[in-house]
Amino acid sequence: MKRKFAIVLALALAFSSMPVYARNSVTIVQEAVQQVVVSPSISNTEAGPVQTVPAENSATLPGTTFTTASGQVVDAAAVAVVSQPLSAAQVQAQAASLVQAMASPQMKIVNFTGVNGLSLTDSTGALNVVSSMSIGLMTAAGESVSQNGSISTAFVLDEILGGKKLAANETVQALYQRADGTWVAVPVVIINGAIAIALPAFGGAVNVTFLVTKGAQLSSIPADAAKSPRT
C-alpha cells in the first residue's frame, strides 16, 4: 500500500504545481438533486492516523512553508496531518450547504479538477455523501499550523466509501468549503485501491466532503487542471 500511496500522492501534487488560471470550459453540470444520501458509516468513522509531513499518506509540494499560529516557521518534519471525522449533524449541514450552492443561479462551486462538465450527483441523481472529515495541520505540542503551498493526502478507497460499491461510470469527488462559503472541487486520483487529493494553502483545518458522482475514475490529473485558490 505504501507504493500505491506514493504514486497517487505524486500525481495529486503534479496538479498543484500547475499555474493558477481559470478555464471557462471547465464547468460543473447544473443538476437538480433528487435526494440527499448520507452514508450511515460516517457516524462510525474513527479519527485517521496522525502522520508527519511528508509521510506514507501525505506529501508536500516543494516550496511549501508551514507557520504556527504564533508566527513561527516550522520544518515539515515537525508538522502532522490530522484528520477527524465530522459528526452526523455536521455532515448533514455540509450536505445542505452544498445542495444550496448547486441550486444557486450563480452556483457557488468552483471547478479546479480539470474535468469539463463535472457532475456532483451519482447515477441515480442523488447527492451521495460517503465521507466527510476535517483535515488540519499541527505541531506535536498541539499548535495549529497553516501552510502556504500545497499538500497531498491519501486514503484507502474502501475506507472512504464505507462499504459502498461504485456503480459503472461512477467515481469519487472531493470538495472543501472556503471561509467565504464557496465550495471548491479538487482533483482526485484513484489507483489500485488508494485515493489522493491535493489541498491548497490554508490556515486551520478545512472540512473535506467526498461524494460518489457520475464520471470516470482518474488515474492521472487532466492537463487543464489549475491550482486551487487560497482558502
C-alpha atoms as a PDB file:
ATOM      1  CA  MET A   1       0.000   0.000   0.000  1.00  0.00           C
ATOM      2  CA  LYS A   2       2.910   2.364   0.651  1.00  0.00           C
ATOM      3  CA  ARG A   3       3.889   2.177  -3.023  1.00  0.00           C
ATOM      4  CA  LYS A   4       0.296   2.916  -4.068  1.00  0.00           C
ATOM      5  CA  PHE A   5       0.134   5.946  -1.791  1.00  0.00           C
ATOM      6  CA  ALA A   6       3.403   7.267  -3.220  1.00  0.00           C
ATOM      7  CA  ILE A   7       2.065   7.035  -6.772  1.00  0.00           C
ATOM      8  CA  VAL A   8      -1.229   8.792  -6.120  1.00  0.00           C
ATOM      9  CA  LEU A   9       0.399  11.484  -3.978  1.00  0.00           C
ATOM     10  CA  ALA A  10       2.896  12.256  -6.722  1.00  0.00           C
ATOM     11  CA  LEU A  11       0.084  12.608  -9.251  1.00  0.00           C
ATOM     12  CA  ALA A  12      -2.003  14.799  -6.960  1.00  0.00           C
ATOM     13  CA  LEU A  13       0.956  17.091  -6.315  1.00  0.00           C
ATOM     14  CA  ALA A  14       1.620  17.298 -10.040  1.00  0.00           C
ATOM     15  CA  PHE A  15      -1.712  19.122 -10.232  1.00  0.00           C
ATOM     16  CA  SER A  16      -0.656  21.542  -7.518  1.00  0.00           C
ATOM     17  CA  SER A  17       2.456  22.605  -9.412  1.00  0.00           C
ATOM     18  CA  MET A  18       0.451  23.911 -12.350  1.00  0.00           C
ATOM     19  CA  PRO A  19      -0.089  27.680 -12.807  1.00  0.00           C
ATOM     20  CA  VAL A  20      -3.138  29.475 -11.413  1.00  0.00           C
ATOM     21  CA  TYR A  21      -5.637  30.306 -14.092  1.00  0.00           C
ATOM     22  CA  ALA A  22      -9.306  29.614 -14.745  1.00  0.00           C
ATOM     23  CA  ARG A  23     -10.701  27.907 -17.819  1.00  0.00           C
ATOM     24  CA  ASN A  24     -14.259  28.806 -18.708  1.00  0.00           C
ATOM     25  CA  SER A  25     -14.648  25.456 -20.474  1.00  0.00           C
ATOM     26  CA  VAL A  26     -14.129  23.552 -17.215  1.00  0.00           C
ATOM     27  CA  THR A  27     -17.706  23.604 -15.991  1.00  0.00           C
ATOM     28  CA  ILE A  28     -19.921  21.934 -13.431  1.00  0.00           C
ATOM     29  CA  VAL A  29     -23.207  20.495 -14.620  1.00  0.00           C
ATOM     30  CA  GLN A  30     -26.185  22.380 -13.150  1.00  0.00           C
ATOM     31  CA  GLU A  31     -28.096  19.388 -11.805  1.00  0.00           C
ATOM     32  CA  ALA A  32     -31.286  19.086  -9.774  1.00  0.00           C
ATOM     33  CA  VAL A  33     -30.595  16.936  -6.712  1.00  0.00           C
ATOM     34  CA  GLN A  34     -33.196  14.171  -6.495  1.00  0.00           C
ATOM     35  CA  GLN A  35     -32.343  13.324  -2.877  1.00  0.00           C
ATOM     36  CA  VAL A  36     -29.545  13.655  -0.349  1.00  0.00           C
ATOM     37  CA  VAL A  37     -27.953  10.388   0.772  1.00  0.00           C
ATOM     38  CA  VAL A  38     -25.521  10.369   3.685  1.00  0.00           C
ATOM     39  CA  SER A  39     -23.715   7.095   4.301  1.00  0.00           C
ATOM     40  CA  PRO A  40     -24.600   5.559   7.689  1.00  0.00           C
ATOM     41  CA  SER A  41     -20.950   4.542   8.053  1.00  0.00           C
ATOM     42  CA  ILE A  42     -19.974   8.197   8.564  1.00  0.00           C
ATOM     43  CA  SER A  43     -21.157   8.263  12.182  1.00  0.00           C
ATOM     44  CA  ASN A  44     -18.990   5.210  12.911  1.00  0.00           C
ATOM     45  CA  THR A  45     -15.811   6.603  11.374  1.00  0.00           C
ATOM     46  CA  GLU A  46     -12.801   6.825  13.652  1.00  0.00           C
ATOM     47  CA  ALA A  47     -10.145   9.513  13.533  1.00  0.00           C
ATOM     48  CA  GLY A  48      -7.433   8.839  10.997  1.00  0.00           C
ATOM     49  CA  PRO A  49      -3.806   8.237  11.941  1.00  0.00           C
ATOM     50  CA  VAL A  50      -1.658  11.252  12.773  1.00  0.00           C
ATOM     51  CA  GLN A  51       1.005  11.412  10.054  1.00  0.00           C
ATOM     52  CA  THR A  52       4.004  13.706   9.832  1.00  0.00           C
ATOM     53  CA  VAL A  53       4.537  15.684   6.646  1.00  0.00           C
ATOM     54  CA  PRO A  54       5.795  14.100   4.463  1.00  0.00           C
ATOM     55  CA  ALA A  55       4.866  10.520   5.288  1.00  0.00           C
ATOM     56  CA  GLU A  56       3.373   7.409   3.714  1.00  0.00           C
ATOM     57  CA  ASN A  57      -0.063   9.012   3.497  1.00  0.00           C
ATOM     58  CA  SER A  58       0.933  12.629   2.841  1.00  0.00           C
ATOM     59  CA  ALA A  59       3.316  14.729   0.799  1.00  0.00           C
ATOM     60  CA  THR A  60       4.096  18.384   0.146  1.00  0.00           C
ATOM     61  CA  LEU A  61       4.749  20.377  -2.972  1.00  0.00           C
ATOM     62  CA  PRO A  62       8.364  21.654  -2.980  1.00  0.00           C
ATOM     63  CA  GLY A  63       8.490  25.197  -1.632  1.00  0.00           C
ATOM     64  CA  THR A  64       5.533  24.745   0.711  1.00  0.00           C
ATOM     65  CA  THR A  65       6.098  26.514   4.031  1.00  0.00           C
ATOM     66  CA  PHE A  66       4.491  25.887   7.428  1.00  0.00           C
ATOM     67  CA  THR A  67       3.774  28.513  10.083  1.00  0.00           C
ATOM     68  CA  THR A  68       2.319  28.106  13.573  1.00  0.00           C
ATOM     69  CA  ALA A  69      -0.469  30.274  14.933  1.00  0.00           C
ATOM     70  CA  SER A  70       2.185  32.264  16.826  1.00  0.00           C
ATOM     71  CA  GLY A  71       4.006  33.038  13.574  1.00  0.00           C
ATOM     72  CA  GLN A  72       6.893  30.597  13.910  1.00  0.00           C
ATOM     73  CA  VAL A  73       8.057  28.889  10.713  1.00  0.00           C
ATOM     74  CA  VAL A  74       8.467  25.156  11.308  1.00  0.00           C
ATOM     75  CA  ASP A  75      10.024  22.341   9.317  1.00  0.00           C
ATOM     76  CA  ALA A  76       7.703  19.938   7.500  1.00  0.00           C
ATOM     77  CA  ALA A  77       9.074  17.052   9.576  1.00  0.00           C
ATOM     78  CA  ALA A  78       7.701  18.742  12.705  1.00  0.00           C
ATOM     79  CA  VAL A  79       4.185  19.039  11.269  1.00  0.00           C
ATOM     80  CA  ALA A  80       1.490  16.373  11.471  1.00  0.00           C
ATOM     81  CA  VAL A  81      -1.561  15.898   9.251  1.00  0.00           C
ATOM     82  CA  VAL A  82      -4.574  15.321  11.474  1.00  0.00           C
ATOM     83  CA  SER A  83      -7.878  14.069  10.065  1.00  0.00           C
ATOM     84  CA  GLN A  84     -11.002  13.923  12.205  1.00  0.00           C
ATOM     85  CA  PRO A  85     -14.435  12.680  11.108  1.00  0.00           C
ATOM     86  CA  LEU A  86     -17.278  15.170  11.288  1.00  0.00           C
ATOM     87  CA  SER A  87     -20.350  14.380  13.342  1.00  0.00           C
ATOM     88  CA  ALA A  88     -23.538  13.234  11.627  1.00  0.00           C
ATOM     89  CA  ALA A  89     -25.088  16.673  12.276  1.00  0.00           C
ATOM     90  CA  GLN A  90     -22.077  18.438  10.766  1.00  0.00           C
ATOM     91  CA  VAL A  91     -22.196  16.218   7.690  1.00  0.00           C
ATOM     92  CA  GLN A  92     -25.907  16.931   7.203  1.00  0.00           C
ATOM     93  CA  ALA A  93     -25.173  20.660   7.443  1.00  0.00           C
ATOM     94  CA  GLN A  94     -22.349  20.320   4.909  1.00  0.00           C
ATOM     95  CA  ALA A  95     -24.633  18.416   2.531  1.00  0.00           C
ATOM     96  CA  ALA A  96     -27.385  21.035   2.862  1.00  0.00           C
ATOM     97  CA  SER A  97     -24.886  23.819   2.145  1.00  0.00           C
ATOM     98  CA  LEU A  98     -23.623  22.012  -0.941  1.00  0.00           C
ATOM     99  CA  VAL A  99     -27.145  21.442  -2.275  1.00  0.00           C
ATOM    100  CA  GLN A 100     -27.870  25.131  -1.768  1.00  0.00           C
ATOM    101  CA  ALA A 101     -24.692  26.063  -3.638  1.00  0.00           C
ATOM    102  CA  MET A 102     -25.665  23.759  -6.504  1.00  0.00           C
ATOM    103  CA  ALA A 103     -29.136  25.301  -6.712  1.00  0.00           C
ATOM    104  CA  SER A 104     -27.827  28.879  -6.685  1.00  0.00           C
ATOM    105  CA  PRO A 105     -28.158  30.721 -10.033  1.00  0.00           C
ATOM    106  CA  GLN A 106     -24.528  31.748  -9.616  1.00  0.00           C
ATOM    107  CA  MET A 107     -23.564  28.234  -8.432  1.00  0.00           C
ATOM    108  CA  LYS A 108     -21.082  28.939  -5.658  1.00  0.00           C
ATOM    109  CA  ILE A 109     -18.868  25.994  -6.599  1.00  0.00           C
ATOM    110  CA  VAL A 110     -15.519  26.346  -8.346  1.00  0.00           C
ATOM    111  CA  ASN A 111     -14.210  23.563 -10.555  1.00  0.00           C
ATOM    112  CA  PHE A 112     -10.427  23.150 -10.340  1.00  0.00           C
ATOM    113  CA  THR A 113     -10.382  19.475 -11.306  1.00  0.00           C
ATOM    114  CA  GLY A 114      -9.579  19.909 -14.989  1.00  0.00           C
ATOM    115  CA  VAL A 115     -12.672  17.820 -15.797  1.00  0.00           C
ATOM    116  CA  ASN A 116     -15.149  19.566 -18.074  1.00  0.00           C
ATOM    117  CA  GLY A 117     -18.839  19.006 -17.337  1.00  0.00           C
ATOM    118  CA  LEU A 118     -18.149  17.798 -13.801  1.00  0.00           C
ATOM    119  CA  SER A 119     -21.134  16.050 -12.200  1.00  0.00           C
ATOM    120  CA  LEU A 120     -21.750  16.179  -8.454  1.00  0.00           C
ATOM    121  CA  THR A 121     -24.582  13.635  -8.313  1.00  0.00           C
ATOM    122  CA  ASP A 122     -24.427   9.861  -8.562  1.00  0.00           C
ATOM    123  CA  SER A 123     -26.014   7.616 -11.193  1.00  0.00           C
ATOM    124  CA  THR A 124     -29.435   7.973  -9.504  1.00  0.00           C
ATOM    125  CA  GLY A 125     -29.299  11.778  -9.355  1.00  0.00           C
ATOM    126  CA  ALA A 126     -28.632  11.851  -5.614  1.00  0.00           C
ATOM    127  CA  LEU A 127     -26.090  13.929  -3.727  1.00  0.00           C
ATOM    128  CA  ASN A 128     -24.345  10.922  -2.218  1.00  0.00           C
ATOM    129  CA  VAL A 129     -22.025  11.773   0.688  1.00  0.00           C
ATOM    130  CA  VAL A 130     -19.819   8.815   1.633  1.00  0.00           C
ATOM    131  CA  SER A 131     -17.241  10.545   3.846  1.00  0.00           C
ATOM    132  CA  SER A 132     -16.627  13.931   5.421  1.00  0.00           C
ATOM    133  CA  MET A 133     -13.727  14.946   7.585  1.00  0.00           C
ATOM    134  CA  SER A 134     -11.757  17.820   8.989  1.00  0.00           C
ATOM    135  CA  ILE A 135      -8.150  17.875   7.766  1.00  0.00           C
ATOM    136  CA  GLY A 136      -5.664  20.101   9.536  1.00  0.00           C
ATOM    137  CA  LEU A 137      -2.022  20.507  10.452  1.00  0.00           C
ATOM    138  CA  MET A 138      -0.492  20.821  13.909  1.00  0.00           C
ATOM    139  CA  THR A 139       2.740  20.504  15.830  1.00  0.00           C
ATOM    140  CA  ALA A 140       3.497  17.794  18.382  1.00  0.00           C
ATOM    141  CA  ALA A 141       2.574  20.347  21.052  1.00  0.00           C
ATOM    142  CA  GLY A 142      -0.887  20.690  19.520  1.00  0.00           C
ATOM    143  CA  GLU A 143      -0.402  24.137  17.981  1.00  0.00           C
ATOM    144  CA  SER A 144      -2.320  24.765  14.770  1.00  0.00           C
ATOM    145  CA  VAL A 145      -0.221  25.150  11.622  1.00  0.00           C
ATOM    146  CA  SER A 146      -1.049  26.931   8.380  1.00  0.00           C
ATOM    147  CA  GLN A 147       0.576  26.072   5.067  1.00  0.00           C
ATOM    148  CA  ASN A 148       1.409  28.226   2.087  1.00  0.00           C
ATOM    149  CA  GLY A 149       1.788  25.923  -0.880  1.00  0.00           C
ATOM    150  CA  SER A 150       0.052  22.589  -1.283  1.00  0.00           C
ATOM    151  CA  ILE A 151      -0.196  19.254   0.459  1.00  0.00           C
ATOM    152  CA  SER A 152      -1.475  15.924  -0.788  1.00  0.00           C
ATOM    153  CA  THR A 153      -3.045  13.341   1.449  1.00  0.00           C
ATOM    154  CA  ALA A 154      -4.068   9.786   0.582  1.00  0.00           C
ATOM    155  CA  PHE A 155      -6.584   7.304   1.964  1.00  0.00           C
ATOM    156  CA  VAL A 156      -7.708   3.733   1.392  1.00  0.00           C
ATOM    157  CA  LEU A 157     -10.578   3.937  -1.095  1.00  0.00           C
ATOM    158  CA  ASP A 158     -12.689   1.302   0.682  1.00  0.00           C
ATOM    159  CA  GLU A 159     -12.473   3.305   3.915  1.00  0.00           C
ATOM    160  CA  ILE A 160     -13.681   6.452   2.168  1.00  0.00           C
ATOM    161  CA  LEU A 161     -16.550   4.535   0.547  1.00  0.00           C
ATOM    162  CA  GLY A 162     -17.532   2.947   3.869  1.00  0.00           C
ATOM    163  CA  GLY A 163     -18.552  -0.323   2.284  1.00  0.00           C
ATOM    164  CA  LYS A 164     -20.387   1.184  -0.695  1.00  0.00           C
ATOM    165  CA  LYS A 165     -19.540  -0.186  -4.112  1.00  0.00           C
ATOM    166  CA  LEU A 166     -19.227   2.165  -7.051  1.00  0.00           C
ATOM    167  CA  ALA A 167     -21.621   1.522  -9.913  1.00  0.00           C
ATOM    168  CA  ALA A 168     -20.498   1.562 -13.542  1.00  0.00           C
ATOM    169  CA  ASN A 169     -19.369   5.057 -14.597  1.00  0.00           C
ATOM    170  CA  GLU A 170     -19.225   6.329 -11.017  1.00  0.00           C
ATOM    171  CA  THR A 171     -16.254   7.787  -9.201  1.00  0.00           C
ATOM    172  CA  VAL A 172     -15.444   9.804  -6.071  1.00  0.00           C
ATOM    173  CA  GLN A 173     -15.193  13.585  -5.999  1.00  0.00           C
ATOM    174  CA  ALA A 174     -13.780  15.683  -3.137  1.00  0.00           C
ATOM    175  CA  LEU A 175     -14.766  19.241  -2.270  1.00  0.00           C
ATOM    176  CA  TYR A 176     -13.956  21.631   0.543  1.00  0.00           C
ATOM    177  CA  GLN A 177     -15.643  24.846   1.628  1.00  0.00           C
ATOM    178  CA  ARG A 178     -13.753  28.126   1.802  1.00  0.00           C
ATOM    179  CA  ALA A 179     -14.257  30.699   4.521  1.00  0.00           C
ATOM    180  CA  ASP A 180     -16.465  32.811   2.200  1.00  0.00           C
ATOM    181  CA  GLY A 181     -18.839  29.863   1.744  1.00  0.00           C
ATOM    182  CA  THR A 182     -17.708  28.977  -1.782  1.00  0.00           C
ATOM    183  CA  TRP A 183     -17.141  25.282  -2.451  1.00  0.00           C
ATOM    184  CA  VAL A 184     -14.050  24.128  -4.332  1.00  0.00           C
ATOM    185  CA  ALA A 185     -13.890  20.830  -6.235  1.00  0.00           C
ATOM    186  CA  VAL A 186     -10.321  19.488  -6.221  1.00  0.00           C
ATOM    187  CA  PRO A 187      -8.692  16.778  -8.347  1.00  0.00           C
ATOM    188  CA  VAL A 188      -8.961  13.204  -7.136  1.00  0.00           C
ATOM    189  CA  VAL A 189      -6.618  10.405  -8.198  1.00  0.00           C
ATOM    190  CA  ILE A 190      -7.650   6.764  -7.674  1.00  0.00           C
ATOM    191  CA  ILE A 191      -5.185   3.939  -8.302  1.00  0.00           C
ATOM    192  CA  ASN A 192      -5.277   0.340  -7.105  1.00  0.00           C
ATOM    193  CA  GLY A 193      -7.465   0.905  -4.057  1.00  0.00           C
ATOM    194  CA  ALA A 194      -5.854   4.188  -2.952  1.00  0.00           C
ATOM    195  CA  ILE A 195      -7.321   7.693  -3.330  1.00  0.00           C
ATOM    196  CA  ALA A 196      -5.481  11.003  -3.013  1.00  0.00           C
ATOM    197  CA  ILE A 197      -6.473  14.666  -3.076  1.00  0.00           C
ATOM    198  CA  ALA A 198      -4.426  17.872  -3.176  1.00  0.00           C
ATOM    199  CA  LEU A 199      -5.291  20.741  -0.852  1.00  0.00           C
ATOM    200  CA  PRO A 200      -4.158  24.323  -1.422  1.00  0.00           C
ATOM    201  CA  ALA A 201      -2.804  26.742   1.153  1.00  0.00           C
ATOM    202  CA  PHE A 202      -4.965  27.025   4.251  1.00  0.00           C
ATOM    203  CA  GLY A 203      -4.864  28.276   7.808  1.00  0.00           C
ATOM    204  CA  GLY A 204      -6.516  25.974  10.326  1.00  0.00           C
ATOM    205  CA  ALA A 205      -8.439  22.866   9.386  1.00  0.00           C
ATOM    206  CA  VAL A 206     -10.677  22.516   6.330  1.00  0.00           C
ATOM    207  CA  ASN A 207     -13.738  20.313   6.020  1.00  0.00           C
ATOM    208  CA  VAL A 208     -13.476  17.944   3.054  1.00  0.00           C
ATOM    209  CA  THR A 209     -16.552  16.156   1.714  1.00  0.00           C
ATOM    210  CA  PHE A 210     -16.327  13.076  -0.509  1.00  0.00           C
ATOM    211  CA  LEU A 211     -19.179  12.360  -2.924  1.00  0.00           C
ATOM    212  CA  VAL A 212     -19.959   9.431  -5.193  1.00  0.00           C
ATOM    213  CA  THR A 213     -20.539  11.049  -8.580  1.00  0.00           C
ATOM    214  CA  LYS A 214     -21.085  10.180 -12.213  1.00  0.00           C
ATOM    215  CA  GLY A 215     -17.853  10.038 -14.195  1.00  0.00           C
ATOM    216  CA  ALA A 216     -14.714   8.037 -14.814  1.00  0.00           C
ATOM    217  CA  GLN A 217     -12.111   7.343 -12.143  1.00  0.00           C
ATOM    218  CA  LEU A 218      -8.967   9.347 -12.853  1.00  0.00           C
ATOM    219  CA  SER A 219      -5.564   7.746 -12.523  1.00  0.00           C
ATOM    220  CA  SER A 220      -3.853  10.947 -13.641  1.00  0.00           C
ATOM    221  CA  ILE A 221      -4.649  14.650 -13.466  1.00  0.00           C
ATOM    222  CA  PRO A 222      -6.033  16.291 -16.645  1.00  0.00           C
ATOM    223  CA  ALA A 223      -3.707  18.796 -18.323  1.00  0.00           C
ATOM    224  CA  ASP A 224      -6.328  21.513 -17.870  1.00  0.00           C
ATOM    225  CA  ALA A 225      -6.303  21.276 -14.078  1.00  0.00           C
ATOM    226  CA  ALA A 226      -5.472  24.537 -12.313  1.00  0.00           C
ATOM    227  CA  LYS A 227      -4.204  25.190  -8.823  1.00  0.00           C
ATOM    228  CA  SER A 228      -6.965  25.910  -6.302  1.00  0.00           C
ATOM    229  CA  PRO A 229      -7.086  29.368  -4.716  1.00  0.00           C
ATOM    230  CA  ARG A 230      -6.157  30.105  -1.128  1.00  0.00           C
ATOM    231  CA  THR A 231      -8.759  29.001   1.404  1.00  0.00           C
END
